[in-house]
């Protein structure tokens, strides 16, 4: 079993043998060592010149192919695949740059990829520290969402009452505002607006402060706002099969380990789980209506 490490300027990409224990000379750790790989062209340009380093002071000579046990300058990923008789997903490429490493090797060669993200450890610590703040912020956002939904439904019912239209919302077309005057409804709607504005005044500064203890300019590395992923996180999901903070995290795993991703959540999962928790799916509409009616009846702004 082999792996690869190459160096482009001061960065490395190498091929590591599985029989690497108890070796004193670092060069013996690798089946192939390549310097000046010139990434990202190394992955896409098969015609790059290849040189073998033949002396300790860096004297090189041109060659046509890579052979295990030597040190090379230049070349291409295709030459590495030919030398090791492997291709595509048989290779796990480990790098620390989202574009020149994992992005190019994934797109051009279909290699398995692992991104080294050194900031990940501090990010996890910062997320743990910011959990109480985000929990309170999410609670307030959920409160605003409930109020906004009640406000919108009540506004729609008021508009229908103005036009003497039958309500199409609620169990059996039940109207929620039949016994209230237009003035009562307008006052209640105004109260909802005031309450939501007060929530916004609290939510705004809290959103600005979210993640500032990690980075004062852009907050968390993996987050964008309260619920969204950052652009970097989406790139990681797209190009990296796995990611970690350091290569040494793989020490406890064998070379034959198969990493499986956890279940990914989708937008409709929350809808399904809520319906599953409250009862059969065909009864969900009545559950939502009853929740809304209960909110109106229990809210301090009763209609």
Protein backbone atom coordinates (compact mmCIF):
# COMPACT_ATOMS: atom_id res chain seq x y z
CA UNK A 1 0.00 0.00 0.00
CA UNK A 2 1.31 3.46 -0.89
CA UNK A 3 0.40 7.13 -0.45
CA UNK A 4 1.75 10.35 -1.98
CA UNK A 5 3.49 13.56 -0.82
CA UNK A 6 4.58 16.35 -3.19
CA UNK A 7 6.41 19.62 -2.62
CA UNK A 8 5.48 22.80 -4.46
CA UNK A 9 7.75 25.63 -3.37
CA UNK A 10 7.68 25.06 0.41
CA UNK A 11 4.74 22.66 0.36
CA UNK A 12 4.97 18.88 0.08
CA UNK A 13 3.15 16.01 -1.56
CA UNK A 14 4.67 12.53 -0.88
CA UNK A 15 4.04 8.84 -1.42
CA UNK A 16 4.26 6.89 1.85
CA UNK A 17 4.84 3.19 2.21
CA UNK A 18 2.84 1.20 4.76
CA UNK A 19 6.09 -0.41 5.99
CA UNK A 20 7.41 2.83 7.48
CA UNK A 21 8.02 2.00 11.16
CA UNK A 22 11.48 2.13 12.68
CA UNK A 23 13.13 4.09 9.84
CA UNK A 24 15.71 6.75 10.73
CA UNK A 25 16.18 8.42 7.32
CA UNK A 26 13.08 10.46 6.44
CA UNK A 27 13.52 9.69 2.72
CA UNK A 28 12.94 6.01 3.45
CA UNK A 29 9.45 6.88 4.70
CA UNK A 30 8.37 7.58 1.15
CA UNK A 31 8.16 5.45 -1.98
CA UNK A 32 8.36 8.64 -4.04
CA UNK A 33 9.38 12.20 -3.15
CA UNK A 34 8.57 15.02 -5.57
CA UNK A 35 9.76 18.62 -5.11
CA UNK A 36 8.77 21.70 -7.14
CA UNK A 37 5.55 19.96 -8.15
CA UNK A 38 4.13 23.27 -9.42
CA UNK A 39 0.58 22.76 -8.17
CA UNK A 40 -2.11 23.09 -9.38
CA UNK A 41 -0.65 22.44 -12.87
CA UNK A 42 0.79 19.22 -11.44
CA UNK A 43 -2.74 17.75 -11.49
CA UNK A 44 -3.84 18.99 -14.91
CA UNK A 45 -0.74 19.26 -17.11
CA UNK A 46 0.63 15.84 -18.06
CA UNK A 47 3.45 17.32 -20.17
CA UNK A 48 5.40 19.01 -17.38
CA UNK A 49 9.12 18.23 -17.44
CA UNK A 50 10.36 15.60 -14.99
CA UNK A 51 13.83 15.61 -13.42
CA UNK A 52 15.48 13.18 -11.04
CA UNK A 53 17.46 14.66 -8.15
CA UNK A 54 20.74 12.71 -8.23
CA UNK A 55 22.96 14.49 -5.67
CA UNK A 56 22.45 15.84 -2.16
CA UNK A 57 23.23 19.38 -3.34
CA UNK A 58 20.32 19.28 -5.83
CA UNK A 59 21.90 18.30 -9.17
CA UNK A 60 19.17 16.97 -11.49
CA UNK A 61 18.93 15.10 -14.79
CA UNK A 62 15.91 14.81 -17.11
CA UNK A 63 14.00 11.53 -17.09
CA UNK A 64 10.83 10.25 -18.75
CA UNK A 65 9.17 8.24 -15.96
CA UNK A 66 8.93 7.98 -12.20
CA UNK A 67 10.35 4.96 -10.37
CA UNK A 68 9.85 4.18 -6.68
CA UNK A 69 12.78 4.94 -4.37
CA UNK A 70 13.92 8.16 -6.05
CA UNK A 71 13.52 11.91 -5.56
CA UNK A 72 12.11 13.97 -8.44
CA UNK A 73 11.46 17.56 -9.42
CA UNK A 74 8.39 18.47 -11.47
CA UNK A 75 6.40 15.84 -13.31
CA UNK A 76 2.67 15.26 -13.04
CA UNK A 77 0.05 13.34 -11.10
CA UNK A 78 -0.49 11.09 -14.10
CA UNK A 79 3.16 9.98 -13.86
CA UNK A 80 2.63 9.12 -10.18
CA UNK A 81 -0.44 7.05 -11.00
CA UNK A 82 1.49 5.19 -13.70
CA UNK A 83 4.42 4.51 -11.36
CA UNK A 84 2.18 3.13 -8.62
CA UNK A 85 -0.30 1.43 -10.99
CA UNK A 86 -3.26 3.16 -9.34
CA UNK A 87 -5.87 5.66 -10.46
CA UNK A 88 -8.96 7.55 -9.34
CA UNK A 89 -10.46 6.67 -5.97
CA UNK A 90 -7.57 4.30 -5.14
CA UNK A 91 -5.62 7.37 -4.03
CA UNK A 92 -6.25 9.39 -0.87
CA UNK A 93 -4.72 12.83 -1.31
CA UNK A 94 -4.04 14.90 1.82
CA UNK A 95 -3.57 18.65 1.46
CA UNK A 96 -4.20 21.93 3.25
CA UNK A 97 -5.41 24.14 0.38
CA UNK A 98 -9.02 23.97 -0.76
CA UNK A 99 -8.19 24.80 -4.41
CA UNK A 100 -4.64 23.76 -5.31
CA UNK A 101 -4.87 20.56 -3.26
CA UNK A 102 -8.27 18.97 -2.72
CA UNK A 103 -10.19 20.92 -5.37
CA UNK A 104 -7.91 20.17 -8.32
CA UNK A 105 -7.12 16.57 -7.35
CA UNK A 106 -10.83 15.82 -6.93
CA UNK A 107 -12.00 17.48 -10.17
CA UNK A 108 -9.14 16.47 -12.46
CA UNK A 109 -8.22 13.03 -11.14
CA UNK A 110 -11.23 11.85 -9.08
CA UNK A 111 -8.89 11.15 -6.16
CA UNK A 112 -10.22 10.71 -2.66
CA UNK A 113 -9.35 13.87 -0.74
CA UNK A 114 -8.63 14.91 2.82
CA UNK A 115 -8.38 18.59 3.75
CA UNK A 116 -6.16 19.62 6.65
CA UNK A 117 -7.81 22.60 8.35
CA UNK A 118 -5.55 23.72 11.19
CA UNK A 119 -8.05 26.32 12.43
CA UNK A 120 -10.65 23.61 13.06
CA UNK A 121 -9.60 22.93 16.64
CA UNK A 122 -9.96 26.59 17.66
CA UNK A 123 -13.24 26.76 15.74
CA UNK A 124 -14.68 23.85 17.73
CA UNK A 125 -13.57 25.43 21.00
CA UNK A 126 -15.14 28.75 19.98
CA UNK A 127 -18.41 27.07 19.00
CA UNK A 128 -18.55 25.33 22.38
CA UNK A 129 -17.89 28.61 24.16
CA UNK A 130 -20.56 30.39 22.10
CA UNK A 131 -23.24 27.71 22.60
CA UNK A 132 -25.22 29.61 25.30
CA UNK A 133 -25.25 32.75 23.16
CA UNK A 134 -26.43 30.89 20.04
CA UNK A 135 -29.02 28.96 22.04
CA UNK A 136 -30.55 32.18 23.34
CA UNK A 137 -30.38 33.75 19.90
CA UNK A 138 -32.15 30.79 18.28
CA UNK A 139 -34.81 30.90 20.98
CA UNK A 140 -35.53 34.54 20.18
CA UNK A 141 -35.55 33.84 16.43
CA UNK A 142 -38.05 31.03 16.94
CA UNK A 143 -40.20 33.32 19.06
CA UNK A 144 -40.19 35.90 16.29
CA UNK A 145 -41.05 33.24 13.70
CA UNK A 146 -44.10 32.13 15.70
CA UNK A 147 -45.24 35.71 16.12
CA UNK A 148 -44.67 36.48 12.43
CA UNK A 149 -46.70 33.44 11.39
CA UNK A 150 -49.55 34.40 13.72
CA UNK A 151 -49.41 37.99 12.46
CA UNK A 152 -49.55 36.92 8.81
CA UNK A 153 -52.46 34.55 9.36
CA UNK A 154 -54.36 37.14 11.36
CA UNK A 155 -53.71 39.79 8.71
CA UNK A 156 -55.02 37.48 6.01
CA UNK A 157 -58.18 36.73 8.03
CA UNK A 158 -58.73 40.44 8.55
CA UNK A 159 -58.45 41.10 4.80
CA UNK A 160 -60.97 38.37 4.10
CA UNK A 161 -63.36 39.75 6.69
CA UNK A 162 -63.16 43.16 5.00
CA UNK A 163 -64.25 41.57 1.71
CA UNK A 164 -66.80 39.25 3.33
CA UNK A 165 -64.91 36.23 1.99
CA UNK A 166 -65.17 32.80 3.56
CA UNK A 167 -61.97 31.67 5.21
CA UNK A 168 -60.14 28.86 3.44
CA UNK A 169 -57.80 28.41 6.37
CA UNK A 170 -58.49 26.31 9.43
CA UNK A 171 -60.45 23.12 10.10
CA UNK A 172 -63.68 23.07 8.08
CA UNK A 173 -63.10 26.65 6.97
CA UNK A 174 -63.32 27.88 10.56
CA UNK A 175 -63.02 31.65 10.85
CA UNK A 176 -60.81 33.01 13.60
CA UNK A 177 -62.00 36.62 13.61
CA UNK A 178 -65.80 36.50 13.22
CA UNK A 179 -66.52 37.89 16.69
CA UNK A 180 -64.05 40.79 16.58
CA UNK A 181 -64.40 44.27 15.15
CA UNK A 182 -62.10 45.75 12.56
CA UNK A 183 -60.68 48.10 15.21
CA UNK A 184 -59.86 45.16 17.52
CA UNK A 185 -58.01 43.40 14.73
CA UNK A 186 -56.06 46.51 13.73
CA UNK A 187 -55.02 47.11 17.35
CA UNK A 188 -53.91 43.51 17.70
CA UNK A 189 -51.92 43.64 14.47
CA UNK A 190 -50.25 46.85 15.63
CA UNK A 191 -49.33 45.14 18.91
CA UNK A 192 -47.74 42.26 17.00
CA UNK A 193 -45.69 44.71 14.91
CA UNK A 194 -44.47 46.49 18.03
CA UNK A 195 -43.48 43.23 19.70
CA UNK A 196 -41.59 42.01 16.63
CA UNK A 197 -39.76 45.33 16.36
CA UNK A 198 -38.67 45.01 19.98
CA UNK A 199 -37.40 41.50 19.26
CA UNK A 200 -35.48 42.79 16.25
CA UNK A 201 -33.78 45.38 18.43
CA UNK A 202 -32.50 42.57 20.65
CA UNK A 203 -31.71 40.09 17.86
CA UNK A 204 -29.70 42.49 15.68
CA UNK A 205 -26.83 43.18 18.14
CA UNK A 206 -26.75 39.53 19.18
CA UNK A 207 -26.32 38.45 15.56
CA UNK A 208 -23.45 40.93 15.14
CA UNK A 209 -21.71 39.56 18.23
CA UNK A 210 -22.15 35.90 17.27
CA UNK A 211 -18.70 34.38 16.76
CA UNK A 212 -16.81 37.61 17.42
CA UNK A 213 -14.83 35.91 20.20
CA UNK A 214 -13.36 33.67 17.45
CA UNK A 215 -12.72 36.36 14.86
CA UNK A 216 -13.65 40.03 15.29
CA UNK A 217 -14.17 40.61 11.56
CA UNK A 218 -16.13 37.63 10.21
CA UNK A 219 -16.98 35.43 13.19
CA UNK A 220 -16.90 31.68 12.85
CA UNK A 221 -14.94 30.04 10.04
CA UNK A 222 -17.62 27.45 9.23
CA UNK A 223 -20.75 29.55 9.78
CA UNK A 224 -22.44 32.40 7.93
CA UNK A 225 -24.97 34.06 10.18
CA UNK A 226 -26.98 31.95 12.59
CA UNK A 227 -28.10 28.99 10.49
CA UNK A 228 -26.19 29.07 7.20
CA UNK A 229 -22.85 27.53 6.23
CA UNK A 230 -19.92 29.67 5.16
CA UNK A 231 -18.63 29.57 1.58
CA UNK A 232 -15.55 27.70 2.82
CA UNK A 233 -17.71 25.03 4.46
CA UNK A 234 -19.67 24.51 1.25
CA UNK A 235 -16.40 24.14 -0.68
CA UNK A 236 -15.17 21.59 1.85
CA UNK A 237 -18.39 19.61 1.47
CA UNK A 238 -18.01 19.71 -2.30
CA UNK A 239 -14.35 18.79 -2.69
CA UNK A 240 -13.13 17.07 0.50
CA UNK A 241 -14.17 13.50 1.30
CA UNK A 242 -12.92 13.98 4.86
CA UNK A 243 -11.38 16.87 6.73
CA UNK A 244 -9.48 17.16 9.99
CA UNK A 245 -7.21 19.54 11.89
CA UNK A 246 -3.98 17.54 11.57
CA UNK A 247 -2.64 14.40 9.91
CA UNK A 248 -1.80 12.83 13.27
CA UNK A 249 -5.53 12.41 13.92
CA UNK A 250 -5.33 9.37 11.62
CA UNK A 251 -2.80 7.56 13.84
CA UNK A 252 -5.42 5.38 15.53
CA UNK A 253 -6.85 4.19 12.19
CA UNK A 254 -5.44 1.50 9.90
CA UNK A 255 -4.75 2.17 6.20
CA UNK A 256 -7.83 0.07 5.46
CA UNK A 257 -10.26 2.29 7.38
CA UNK A 258 -13.40 3.25 5.44
CA UNK A 259 -14.79 6.59 6.59
CA UNK A 260 -18.56 6.94 6.24
CA UNK A 261 -20.27 10.30 6.37
CA UNK A 262 -23.04 10.90 8.92
CA UNK A 263 -26.61 11.36 7.80
CA UNK A 264 -27.06 14.72 6.09
CA UNK A 265 -30.05 16.83 7.09
CA UNK A 266 -32.32 18.28 4.41
CA UNK A 267 -34.74 21.18 4.57
CA UNK A 268 -37.80 18.92 4.75
CA UNK A 269 -36.39 16.74 7.54
CA UNK A 270 -37.53 19.22 10.18
CA UNK A 271 -41.05 19.13 8.73
CA UNK A 272 -41.11 15.33 8.80
CA UNK A 273 -39.71 15.04 12.33
CA UNK A 274 -42.24 17.55 13.66
CA UNK A 275 -45.11 15.66 12.05
CA UNK A 276 -43.72 12.35 13.30
CA UNK A 277 -43.56 13.70 16.86
CA UNK A 278 -47.12 15.06 16.85
CA UNK A 279 -48.93 12.29 15.00
CA UNK A 280 -49.68 10.88 11.53
CA UNK A 281 -48.81 13.04 8.57
CA UNK A 282 -52.42 13.35 7.42
CA UNK A 283 -53.33 15.07 10.72
CA UNK A 284 -50.52 17.60 10.63
CA UNK A 285 -52.59 20.44 9.20
CA UNK A 286 -55.02 20.31 12.10
CA UNK A 287 -52.09 20.19 14.51
CA UNK A 288 -50.67 23.39 13.03
CA UNK A 289 -54.07 25.12 13.12
CA UNK A 290 -54.65 24.16 16.74
CA UNK A 291 -51.17 25.39 17.64
CA UNK A 292 -51.87 28.72 16.00
CA UNK A 293 -55.27 29.09 17.73
CA UNK A 294 -53.69 28.19 21.06
CA UNK A 295 -51.01 30.81 20.45
CA UNK A 296 -53.61 33.50 19.82
CA UNK A 297 -55.64 32.51 22.85
CA UNK A 298 -52.60 32.33 25.13
CA UNK A 299 -50.74 35.38 23.82
CA UNK A 300 -50.86 38.61 25.74
CA UNK A 301 -52.22 40.27 22.58
CA UNK A 302 -55.50 38.37 22.56
CA UNK A 303 -57.87 39.06 19.68
